């Protein structure tokens, strides 16, 4: 299973000691405008950036979840990006499991 597949399925990587895929997530978030180069996460950008995952629909719940996960204390931007996405995806998985959507 690839790192991306593992993250999308479970919300985490199978090897959380490998920094390379975490830095890849940082790069993706920066290029999407979700994370600035100084490590600030903008929850308002998440629904727009993730709209393609929802057939172009901007979902308010994505901003709400992102807001819950955005206040990260990690100094390393790669760790911050990974833990943000881990929080986001885990929360979303739990949302869909709970509501059966």
PDB file of N, CA and C in Angstrom:
ATOM      1  N   UNK A   1       0.855  -1.181   0.000  1.00  0.00           N
ATOM      2  CA  UNK A   1       0.000   0.000   0.000  1.00  0.00           C
ATOM      3  C   UNK A   1       0.901   1.245   0.000  1.00  0.00           C
ATOM      4  N   UNK A   2       0.593   2.196  -0.861  1.00  0.00           N
ATOM      5  CA  UNK A   2       1.382   3.424  -0.916  1.00  0.00           C
ATOM      6  C   UNK A   2       1.084   4.301   0.300  1.00  0.00           C
ATOM      7  N   UNK A   3       1.972   5.259   0.545  1.00  0.00           N
ATOM      8  CA  UNK A   3       1.746   6.192   1.655  1.00  0.00           C
ATOM      9  C   UNK A   3       0.424   6.934   1.479  1.00  0.00           C
ATOM     10  N   UNK A   4       0.176   7.388   0.267  1.00  0.00           N
ATOM     11  CA  UNK A   4      -1.065   8.133   0.011  1.00  0.00           C
ATOM     12  C   UNK A   4      -2.295   7.267   0.254  1.00  0.00           C
ATOM     13  N   UNK A   5      -2.250   6.040  -0.219  1.00  0.00           N
ATOM     14  CA  UNK A   5      -3.375   5.128   0.006  1.00  0.00           C
ATOM     15  C   UNK A   5      -3.592   4.879   1.496  1.00  0.00           C
ATOM     16  N   UNK A   6      -2.493   4.675   2.224  1.00  0.00           N
ATOM     17  CA  UNK A   6      -2.597   4.441   3.671  1.00  0.00           C
ATOM     18  C   UNK A   6      -3.201   5.652   4.371  1.00  0.00           C
ATOM     19  N   UNK A   7      -2.758   6.849   3.990  1.00  0.00           N
ATOM     20  CA  UNK A   7      -3.281   8.075   4.600  1.00  0.00           C
ATOM     21  C   UNK A   7      -4.770   8.227   4.307  1.00  0.00           C
ATOM     22  N   UNK A   8      -5.170   8.011   3.070  1.00  0.00           N
ATOM     23  CA  UNK A   8      -6.581   8.152   2.702  1.00  0.00           C
ATOM     24  C   UNK A   8      -7.470   7.097   3.360  1.00  0.00           C
ATOM     25  N   UNK A   9      -6.930   5.906   3.562  1.00  0.00           N
ATOM     26  CA  UNK A   9      -7.736   4.822   4.126  1.00  0.00           C
ATOM     27  C   UNK A   9      -7.837   4.886   5.652  1.00  0.00           C
ATOM     28  N   UNK A  10      -6.709   5.176   6.312  1.00  0.00           N
ATOM     29  CA  UNK A  10      -6.688   5.092   7.776  1.00  0.00           C
ATOM     30  C   UNK A  10      -6.436   6.421   8.472  1.00  0.00           C
ATOM     31  N   UNK A  11      -5.940   7.397   7.727  1.00  0.00           N
ATOM     32  CA  UNK A  11      -5.614   8.679   8.340  1.00  0.00           C
ATOM     33  C   UNK A  11      -4.177   8.772   8.807  1.00  0.00           C
ATOM     34  N   UNK A  12      -3.381   7.716   8.568  1.00  0.00           N
ATOM     35  CA  UNK A  12      -1.974   7.778   8.986  1.00  0.00           C
ATOM     36  C   UNK A  12      -1.112   6.929   8.054  1.00  0.00           C
ATOM     37  N   UNK A  13       0.194   7.146   8.144  1.00  0.00           N
ATOM     38  CA  UNK A  13       1.149   6.349   7.386  1.00  0.00           C
ATOM     39  C   UNK A  13       1.487   5.092   8.170  1.00  0.00           C
ATOM     40  N   UNK A  14       1.838   4.036   7.457  1.00  0.00           N
ATOM     41  CA  UNK A  14       2.252   2.804   8.129  1.00  0.00           C
ATOM     42  C   UNK A  14       3.622   2.969   8.776  1.00  0.00           C
ATOM     43  N   UNK A  15       4.456   3.874   8.266  1.00  0.00           N
ATOM     44  CA  UNK A  15       5.764   4.161   8.868  1.00  0.00           C
ATOM     45  C   UNK A  15       5.828   5.654   9.174  1.00  0.00           C
ATOM     46  N   UNK A  16       5.517   6.007  10.396  1.00  0.00           N
ATOM     47  CA  UNK A  16       5.488   7.424  10.774  1.00  0.00           C
ATOM     48  C   UNK A  16       6.875   7.981  11.091  1.00  0.00           C
ATOM     49  N   UNK A  17       7.929   7.178  10.920  1.00  0.00           N
ATOM     50  CA  UNK A  17       9.288   7.683  11.133  1.00  0.00           C
ATOM     51  C   UNK A  17       9.890   8.225   9.839  1.00  0.00           C
ATOM     52  N   UNK A  18       9.287   7.922   8.709  1.00  0.00           N
ATOM     53  CA  UNK A  18       9.790   8.359   7.406  1.00  0.00           C
ATOM     54  C   UNK A  18       9.354   9.798   7.152  1.00  0.00           C
ATOM     55  N   UNK A  19      10.331  10.700   7.072  1.00  0.00           N
ATOM     56  CA  UNK A  19      10.025  12.124   6.926  1.00  0.00           C
ATOM     57  C   UNK A  19       9.685  12.519   5.479  1.00  0.00           C
ATOM     58  N   UNK A  20      10.179  11.781   4.511  1.00  0.00           N
ATOM     59  CA  UNK A  20       9.995  12.151   3.102  1.00  0.00           C
ATOM     60  C   UNK A  20       8.522  12.301   2.715  1.00  0.00           C
ATOM     61  N   UNK A  21       7.640  11.338   3.019  1.00  0.00           N
ATOM     62  CA  UNK A  21       6.230  11.525   2.639  1.00  0.00           C
ATOM     63  C   UNK A  21       5.549  12.654   3.417  1.00  0.00           C
ATOM     64  N   UNK A  22       6.030  12.919   4.634  1.00  0.00           N
ATOM     65  CA  UNK A  22       5.475  14.031   5.412  1.00  0.00           C
ATOM     66  C   UNK A  22       5.822  15.358   4.745  1.00  0.00           C
ATOM     67  N   UNK A  23       7.049  15.445   4.232  1.00  0.00           N
ATOM     68  CA  UNK A  23       7.457  16.670   3.536  1.00  0.00           C
ATOM     69  C   UNK A  23       6.736  16.810   2.194  1.00  0.00           C
ATOM     70  N   UNK A  24       6.401  15.690   1.577  1.00  0.00           N
ATOM     71  CA  UNK A  24       5.592  15.724   0.359  1.00  0.00           C
ATOM     72  C   UNK A  24       4.231  16.354   0.663  1.00  0.00           C
ATOM     73  N   UNK A  25       3.618  15.975   1.776  1.00  0.00           N
ATOM     74  CA  UNK A  25       2.330  16.562   2.169  1.00  0.00           C
ATOM     75  C   UNK A  25       2.487  18.059   2.396  1.00  0.00           C
ATOM     76  N   UNK A  26       3.587  18.464   3.042  1.00  0.00           N
ATOM     77  CA  UNK A  26       3.836  19.898   3.240  1.00  0.00           C
ATOM     78  C   UNK A  26       3.870  20.608   1.898  1.00  0.00           C
ATOM     79  N   UNK A  27       4.570  20.039   0.942  1.00  0.00           N
ATOM     80  CA  UNK A  27       4.679  20.635  -0.388  1.00  0.00           C
ATOM     81  C   UNK A  27       3.308  20.743  -1.057  1.00  0.00           C
ATOM     82  N   UNK A  28       2.514  19.691  -0.967  1.00  0.00           N
ATOM     83  CA  UNK A  28       1.167  19.702  -1.556  1.00  0.00           C
ATOM     84  C   UNK A  28       0.309  20.781  -0.898  1.00  0.00           C
ATOM     85  N   UNK A  29       0.339  20.862   0.432  1.00  0.00           N
ATOM     86  CA  UNK A  29      -0.471  21.863   1.137  1.00  0.00           C
ATOM     87  C   UNK A  29      -0.020  23.279   0.795  1.00  0.00           C
ATOM     88  N   UNK A  30       1.289  23.481   0.664  1.00  0.00           N
ATOM     89  CA  UNK A  30       1.794  24.804   0.279  1.00  0.00           C
ATOM     90  C   UNK A  30       1.355  25.152  -1.137  1.00  0.00           C
ATOM     91  N   UNK A  31       1.481  24.215  -2.068  1.00  0.00           N
ATOM     92  CA  UNK A  31       1.086  24.475  -3.459  1.00  0.00           C
ATOM     93  C   UNK A  31      -0.410  24.704  -3.603  1.00  0.00           C
ATOM     94  N   UNK A  32      -1.204  24.112  -2.714  1.00  0.00           N
ATOM     95  CA  UNK A  32      -2.660  24.304  -2.738  1.00  0.00           C
ATOM     96  C   UNK A  32      -3.075  25.583  -2.015  1.00  0.00           C
ATOM     97  N   UNK A  33      -2.115  26.263  -1.384  1.00  0.00           N
ATOM     98  CA  UNK A  33      -2.429  27.491  -0.655  1.00  0.00           C
ATOM     99  C   UNK A  33      -3.044  27.241   0.715  1.00  0.00           C
ATOM    100  N   UNK A  34      -3.009  26.002   1.170  1.00  0.00           N
ATOM    101  CA  UNK A  34      -3.558  25.664   2.483  1.00  0.00           C
ATOM    102  C   UNK A  34      -2.561  25.995   3.585  1.00  0.00           C
ATOM    103  N   UNK A  35      -1.279  25.797   3.299  1.00  0.00           N
ATOM    104  CA  UNK A  35      -0.220  26.085   4.263  1.00  0.00           C
ATOM    105  C   UNK A  35       0.742  27.088   3.644  1.00  0.00           C
ATOM    106  N   UNK A  36       1.076  28.120   4.406  1.00  0.00           N
ATOM    107  CA  UNK A  36       2.030  29.108   3.913  1.00  0.00           C
ATOM    108  C   UNK A  36       3.452  28.576   4.089  1.00  0.00           C
ATOM    109  N   UNK A  37       4.411  29.223   3.457  1.00  0.00           N
ATOM    110  CA  UNK A  37       5.803  28.786   3.562  1.00  0.00           C
ATOM    111  C   UNK A  37       6.342  28.939   4.982  1.00  0.00           C
ATOM    112  N   UNK A  38       5.675  29.751   5.804  1.00  0.00           N
ATOM    113  CA  UNK A  38       6.097  29.868   7.207  1.00  0.00           C
ATOM    114  C   UNK A  38       5.294  28.943   8.124  1.00  0.00           C
ATOM    115  N   UNK A  39       4.519  28.017   7.551  1.00  0.00           N
ATOM    116  CA  UNK A  39       3.869  26.966   8.319  1.00  0.00           C
ATOM    117  C   UNK A  39       2.495  27.285   8.875  1.00  0.00           C
ATOM    118  N   UNK A  40       1.882  28.371   8.426  1.00  0.00           N
ATOM    119  CA  UNK A  40       0.544  28.731   8.896  1.00  0.00           C
ATOM    120  C   UNK A  40      -0.493  28.014   8.023  1.00  0.00           C
ATOM    121  N   UNK A  41      -1.424  27.322   8.665  1.00  0.00           N
ATOM    122  CA  UNK A  41      -2.485  26.600   7.955  1.00  0.00           C
ATOM    123  C   UNK A  41      -3.731  27.475   7.911  1.00  0.00           C
ATOM    124  N   UNK A  42      -4.289  27.646   6.704  1.00  0.00           N
ATOM    125  CA  UNK A  42      -5.490  28.465   6.506  1.00  0.00           C
ATOM    126  C   UNK A  42      -6.690  27.549   6.249  1.00  0.00           C
ATOM    127  N   UNK A  43      -7.519  27.314   7.281  1.00  0.00           N
ATOM    128  CA  UNK A  43      -8.664  26.409   7.125  1.00  0.00           C
ATOM    129  C   UNK A  43      -9.656  26.840   6.048  1.00  0.00           C
ATOM    130  N   UNK A  44      -9.721  28.132   5.756  1.00  0.00           N
ATOM    131  CA  UNK A  44     -10.669  28.629   4.749  1.00  0.00           C
ATOM    132  C   UNK A  44     -10.307  28.151   3.341  1.00  0.00           C
ATOM    133  N   UNK A  45      -9.050  27.807   3.116  1.00  0.00           N
ATOM    134  CA  UNK A  45      -8.608  27.344   1.800  1.00  0.00           C
ATOM    135  C   UNK A  45      -8.933  25.867   1.550  1.00  0.00           C
ATOM    136  N   UNK A  46      -9.159  25.117   2.627  1.00  0.00           N
ATOM    137  CA  UNK A  46      -9.350  23.665   2.498  1.00  0.00           C
ATOM    138  C   UNK A  46     -10.553  23.302   1.633  1.00  0.00           C
ATOM    139  N   UNK A  47     -11.749  23.859   1.877  1.00  0.00           N
ATOM    140  CA  UNK A  47     -12.902  23.435   1.066  1.00  0.00           C
ATOM    141  C   UNK A  47     -12.724  23.712  -0.427  1.00  0.00           C
ATOM    142  N   UNK A  48     -12.069  24.802  -0.750  1.00  0.00           N
ATOM    143  CA  UNK A  48     -11.836  25.140  -2.159  1.00  0.00           C
ATOM    144  C   UNK A  48     -10.836  24.154  -2.762  1.00  0.00           C
ATOM    145  N   UNK A  49      -9.756  23.900  -2.028  1.00  0.00           N
ATOM    146  CA  UNK A  49      -8.723  22.991  -2.530  1.00  0.00           C
ATOM    147  C   UNK A  49      -9.223  21.551  -2.634  1.00  0.00           C
ATOM    148  N   UNK A  50     -10.125  21.156  -1.753  1.00  0.00           N
ATOM    149  CA  UNK A  50     -10.617  19.779  -1.734  1.00  0.00           C
ATOM    150  C   UNK A  50     -11.909  19.590  -2.529  1.00  0.00           C
ATOM    151  N   UNK A  51     -12.407  20.625  -3.159  1.00  0.00           N
ATOM    152  CA  UNK A  51     -13.679  20.539  -3.894  1.00  0.00           C
ATOM    153  C   UNK A  51     -13.640  19.458  -4.972  1.00  0.00           C
ATOM    154  N   UNK A  52     -12.484  19.263  -5.585  1.00  0.00           N
ATOM    155  CA  UNK A  52     -12.391  18.242  -6.636  1.00  0.00           C
ATOM    156  C   UNK A  52     -12.657  16.836  -6.083  1.00  0.00           C
ATOM    157  N   UNK A  53     -12.460  16.647  -4.793  1.00  0.00           N
ATOM    158  CA  UNK A  53     -12.736  15.356  -4.154  1.00  0.00           C
ATOM    159  C   UNK A  53     -14.240  15.128  -3.958  1.00  0.00           C
ATOM    160  N   UNK A  54     -15.016  16.207  -4.117  1.00  0.00           N
ATOM    161  CA  UNK A  54     -16.470  16.159  -3.891  1.00  0.00           C
ATOM    162  C   UNK A  54     -17.226  16.624  -5.142  1.00  0.00           C
ATOM    163  N   UNK A  55     -16.753  16.187  -6.313  1.00  0.00           N
ATOM    164  CA  UNK A  55     -17.386  16.549  -7.590  1.00  0.00           C
ATOM    165  C   UNK A  55     -17.520  18.049  -7.767  1.00  0.00           C
ATOM    166  N   UNK A  56     -16.511  18.799  -7.316  1.00  0.00           N
ATOM    167  CA  UNK A  56     -16.498  20.247  -7.475  1.00  0.00           C
ATOM    168  C   UNK A  56     -17.276  21.009  -6.427  1.00  0.00           C
ATOM    169  N   UNK A  57     -17.919  20.296  -5.529  1.00  0.00           N
ATOM    170  CA  UNK A  57     -18.731  20.947  -4.491  1.00  0.00           C
ATOM    171  C   UNK A  57     -17.845  21.379  -3.318  1.00  0.00           C
ATOM    172  N   UNK A  58     -18.007  22.641  -2.907  1.00  0.00           N
ATOM    173  CA  UNK A  58     -17.299  23.170  -1.744  1.00  0.00           C
ATOM    174  C   UNK A  58     -18.122  22.817  -0.508  1.00  0.00           C
ATOM    175  N   UNK A  59     -17.540  22.040   0.404  1.00  0.00           N
ATOM    176  CA  UNK A  59     -18.266  21.574   1.584  1.00  0.00           C
ATOM    177  C   UNK A  59     -17.877  22.373   2.826  1.00  0.00           C
ATOM    178  N   UNK A  60     -18.864  22.926   3.496  1.00  0.00           N
ATOM    179  CA  UNK A  60     -18.633  23.701   4.718  1.00  0.00           C
ATOM    180  C   UNK A  60     -17.977  22.829   5.781  1.00  0.00           C
ATOM    181  N   UNK A  61     -18.351  21.562   5.852  1.00  0.00           N
ATOM    182  CA  UNK A  61     -17.783  20.673   6.868  1.00  0.00           C
ATOM    183  C   UNK A  61     -16.268  20.558   6.727  1.00  0.00           C
ATOM    184  N   UNK A  62     -15.737  20.696   5.511  1.00  0.00           N
ATOM    185  CA  UNK A  62     -14.289  20.636   5.330  1.00  0.00           C
ATOM    186  C   UNK A  62     -13.598  21.790   6.051  1.00  0.00           C
ATOM    187  N   UNK A  63     -14.189  22.977   5.997  1.00  0.00           N
ATOM    188  CA  UNK A  63     -13.602  24.115   6.713  1.00  0.00           C
ATOM    189  C   UNK A  63     -13.725  23.929   8.222  1.00  0.00           C
ATOM    190  N   UNK A  64     -14.843  23.387   8.663  1.00  0.00           N
ATOM    191  CA  UNK A  64     -15.038  23.150  10.100  1.00  0.00           C
ATOM    192  C   UNK A  64     -14.002  22.147  10.609  1.00  0.00           C
ATOM    193  N   UNK A  65     -13.842  21.042   9.900  1.00  0.00           N
ATOM    194  CA  UNK A  65     -12.854  20.041  10.302  1.00  0.00           C
ATOM    195  C   UNK A  65     -11.451  20.642  10.250  1.00  0.00           C
ATOM    196  N   UNK A  66     -11.146  21.375   9.185  1.00  0.00           N
ATOM    197  CA  UNK A  66      -9.826  21.995   9.063  1.00  0.00           C
ATOM    198  C   UNK A  66      -9.563  22.956  10.213  1.00  0.00           C
ATOM    199  N   UNK A  67     -10.578  23.704  10.621  1.00  0.00           N
ATOM    200  CA  UNK A  67     -10.422  24.636  11.742  1.00  0.00           C
ATOM    201  C   UNK A  67     -10.092  23.895  13.030  1.00  0.00           C
ATOM    202  N   UNK A  68     -10.701  22.733  13.222  1.00  0.00           N
ATOM    203  CA  UNK A  68     -10.421  21.926  14.414  1.00  0.00           C
ATOM    204  C   UNK A  68      -8.988  21.393  14.417  1.00  0.00           C
ATOM    205  N   UNK A  69      -8.437  21.171  13.227  1.00  0.00           N
ATOM    206  CA  UNK A  69      -7.127  20.529  13.104  1.00  0.00           C
ATOM    207  C   UNK A  69      -5.976  21.501  12.830  1.00  0.00           C
ATOM    208  N   UNK A  70      -6.272  22.756  12.547  1.00  0.00           N
ATOM    209  CA  UNK A  70      -5.256  23.686  12.047  1.00  0.00           C
ATOM    210  C   UNK A  70      -4.304  24.228  13.102  1.00  0.00           C
ATOM    211  N   UNK A  71      -4.707  24.304  14.339  1.00  0.00           N
ATOM    212  CA  UNK A  71      -3.865  24.905  15.377  1.00  0.00           C
ATOM    213  C   UNK A  71      -2.799  23.909  15.818  1.00  0.00           C
ATOM    214  N   UNK A  72      -1.748  23.805  15.031  1.00  0.00           N
ATOM    215  CA  UNK A  72      -0.675  22.835  15.250  1.00  0.00           C
ATOM    216  C   UNK A  72       0.489  23.513  15.955  1.00  0.00           C
ATOM    217  N   UNK A  73       1.151  22.801  16.835  1.00  0.00           N
ATOM    218  CA  UNK A  73       2.287  23.343  17.589  1.00  0.00           C
ATOM    219  C   UNK A  73       3.639  22.828  17.089  1.00  0.00           C
ATOM    220  N   UNK A  74       3.629  21.901  16.138  1.00  0.00           N
ATOM    221  CA  UNK A  74       4.891  21.345  15.654  1.00  0.00           C
ATOM    222  C   UNK A  74       5.761  22.445  15.035  1.00  0.00           C
ATOM    223  N   UNK A  75       7.046  22.394  15.311  1.00  0.00           N
ATOM    224  CA  UNK A  75       7.979  23.366  14.729  1.00  0.00           C
ATOM    225  C   UNK A  75       8.366  22.968  13.302  1.00  0.00           C
ATOM    226  N   UNK A  76       8.479  21.675  13.071  1.00  0.00           N
ATOM    227  CA  UNK A  76       8.814  21.168  11.740  1.00  0.00           C
ATOM    228  C   UNK A  76       7.570  21.262  10.856  1.00  0.00           C
ATOM    229  N   UNK A  77       7.690  21.955   9.734  1.00  0.00           N
ATOM    230  CA  UNK A  77       6.538  22.142   8.850  1.00  0.00           C
ATOM    231  C   UNK A  77       6.070  20.830   8.226  1.00  0.00           C
ATOM    232  N   UNK A  78       6.996  19.890   8.032  1.00  0.00           N
ATOM    233  CA  UNK A  78       6.605  18.584   7.487  1.00  0.00           C
ATOM    234  C   UNK A  78       5.748  17.828   8.499  1.00  0.00           C
ATOM    235  N   UNK A  79       6.168  17.833   9.752  1.00  0.00           N
ATOM    236  CA  UNK A  79       5.388  17.190  10.819  1.00  0.00           C
ATOM    237  C   UNK A  79       4.038  17.880  10.986  1.00  0.00           C
ATOM    238  N   UNK A  80       4.051  19.202  10.914  1.00  0.00           N
ATOM    239  CA  UNK A  80       2.810  19.973  11.063  1.00  0.00           C
ATOM    240  C   UNK A  80       1.826  19.617   9.951  1.00  0.00           C
ATOM    241  N   UNK A  81       2.307  19.571   8.715  1.00  0.00           N
ATOM    242  CA  UNK A  81       1.444  19.241   7.575  1.00  0.00           C
ATOM    243  C   UNK A  81       0.878  17.830   7.715  1.00  0.00           C
ATOM    244  N   UNK A  82       1.745  16.878   8.067  1.00  0.00           N
ATOM    245  CA  UNK A  82       1.294  15.491   8.222  1.00  0.00           C
ATOM    246  C   UNK A  82       0.257  15.376   9.338  1.00  0.00           C
ATOM    247  N   UNK A  83       0.534  15.967  10.483  1.00  0.00           N
ATOM    248  CA  UNK A  83      -0.397  15.854  11.612  1.00  0.00           C
ATOM    249  C   UNK A  83      -1.707  16.588  11.351  1.00  0.00           C
ATOM    250  N   UNK A  84      -1.660  17.669  10.571  1.00  0.00           N
ATOM    251  CA  UNK A  84      -2.892  18.338  10.161  1.00  0.00           C
ATOM    252  C   UNK A  84      -3.735  17.388   9.307  1.00  0.00           C
ATOM    253  N   UNK A  85      -3.109  16.785   8.291  1.00  0.00           N
ATOM    254  CA  UNK A  85      -3.854  15.878   7.410  1.00  0.00           C
ATOM    255  C   UNK A  85      -4.315  14.632   8.155  1.00  0.00           C
ATOM    256  N   UNK A  86      -3.489  14.132   9.061  1.00  0.00           N
ATOM    257  CA  UNK A  86      -3.873  12.974   9.873  1.00  0.00           C
ATOM    258  C   UNK A  86      -5.126  13.302  10.683  1.00  0.00           C
ATOM    259  N   UNK A  87      -5.136  14.460  11.327  1.00  0.00           N
ATOM    260  CA  UNK A  87      -6.298  14.912  12.098  1.00  0.00           C
ATOM    261  C   UNK A  87      -7.508  15.076  11.179  1.00  0.00           C
ATOM    262  N   UNK A  88      -7.308  15.741  10.037  1.00  0.00           N
ATOM    263  CA  UNK A  88      -8.403  16.005   9.106  1.00  0.00           C
ATOM    264  C   UNK A  88      -9.026  14.699   8.603  1.00  0.00           C
ATOM    265  N   UNK A  89      -8.193  13.800   8.109  1.00  0.00           N
ATOM    266  CA  UNK A  89      -8.711  12.567   7.515  1.00  0.00           C
ATOM    267  C   UNK A  89      -9.331  11.661   8.575  1.00  0.00           C
ATOM    268  N   UNK A  90      -8.697  11.555   9.732  1.00  0.00           N
ATOM    269  CA  UNK A  90      -9.259  10.736  10.809  1.00  0.00           C
ATOM    270  C   UNK A  90     -10.617  11.273  11.243  1.00  0.00           C
ATOM    271  N   UNK A  91     -10.728  12.587  11.369  1.00  0.00           N
ATOM    272  CA  UNK A  91     -12.000  13.205  11.745  1.00  0.00           C
ATOM    273  C   UNK A  91     -13.052  12.945  10.675  1.00  0.00           C
ATOM    274  N   UNK A  92     -12.661  13.070   9.409  1.00  0.00           N
ATOM    275  CA  UNK A  92     -13.597  12.824   8.314  1.00  0.00           C
ATOM    276  C   UNK A  92     -14.022  11.350   8.260  1.00  0.00           C
ATOM    277  N   UNK A  93     -13.089  10.438   8.471  1.00  0.00           N
ATOM    278  CA  UNK A  93     -13.430   9.009   8.494  1.00  0.00           C
ATOM    279  C   UNK A  93     -14.443   8.746   9.604  1.00  0.00           C
ATOM    280  N   UNK A  94     -14.198   9.296  10.777  1.00  0.00           N
ATOM    281  CA  UNK A  94     -15.122   9.113  11.903  1.00  0.00           C
ATOM    282  C   UNK A  94     -16.487   9.727  11.613  1.00  0.00           C
ATOM    283  N   UNK A  95     -16.508  10.869  10.920  1.00  0.00           N
ATOM    284  CA  UNK A  95     -17.763  11.528  10.543  1.00  0.00           C
ATOM    285  C   UNK A  95     -18.592  10.610   9.647  1.00  0.00           C
ATOM    286  N   UNK A  96     -17.953  10.059   8.625  1.00  0.00           N
ATOM    287  CA  UNK A  96     -18.680   9.203   7.689  1.00  0.00           C
ATOM    288  C   UNK A  96     -19.056   7.868   8.319  1.00  0.00           C
ATOM    289  N   UNK A  97     -18.194   7.327   9.170  1.00  0.00           N
ATOM    290  CA  UNK A  97     -18.535   6.078   9.866  1.00  0.00           C
ATOM    291  C   UNK A  97     -19.714   6.279  10.803  1.00  0.00           C
ATOM    292  N   UNK A  98     -19.737   7.402  11.511  1.00  0.00           N
ATOM    293  CA  UNK A  98     -20.803   7.693  12.470  1.00  0.00           C
ATOM    294  C   UNK A  98     -22.132   7.916  11.761  1.00  0.00           C
ATOM    295  N   UNK A  99     -22.093   8.695  10.682  1.00  0.00           N
ATOM    296  CA  UNK A  99     -23.326   9.061   9.991  1.00  0.00           C
ATOM    297  C   UNK A  99     -23.698   8.090   8.874  1.00  0.00           C
ATOM    298  N   UNK A 100     -22.828   7.144   8.591  1.00  0.00           N
ATOM    299  CA  UNK A 100     -23.126   6.161   7.553  1.00  0.00           C
ATOM    300  C   UNK A 100     -23.231   6.756   6.171  1.00  0.00           C
ATOM    301  N   UNK A 101     -22.498   7.829   5.923  1.00  0.00           N
ATOM    302  CA  UNK A 101     -22.573   8.506   4.619  1.00  0.00           C
ATOM    303  C   UNK A 101     -21.533   7.968   3.672  1.00  0.00           C
TER     304      UNK A 101
END
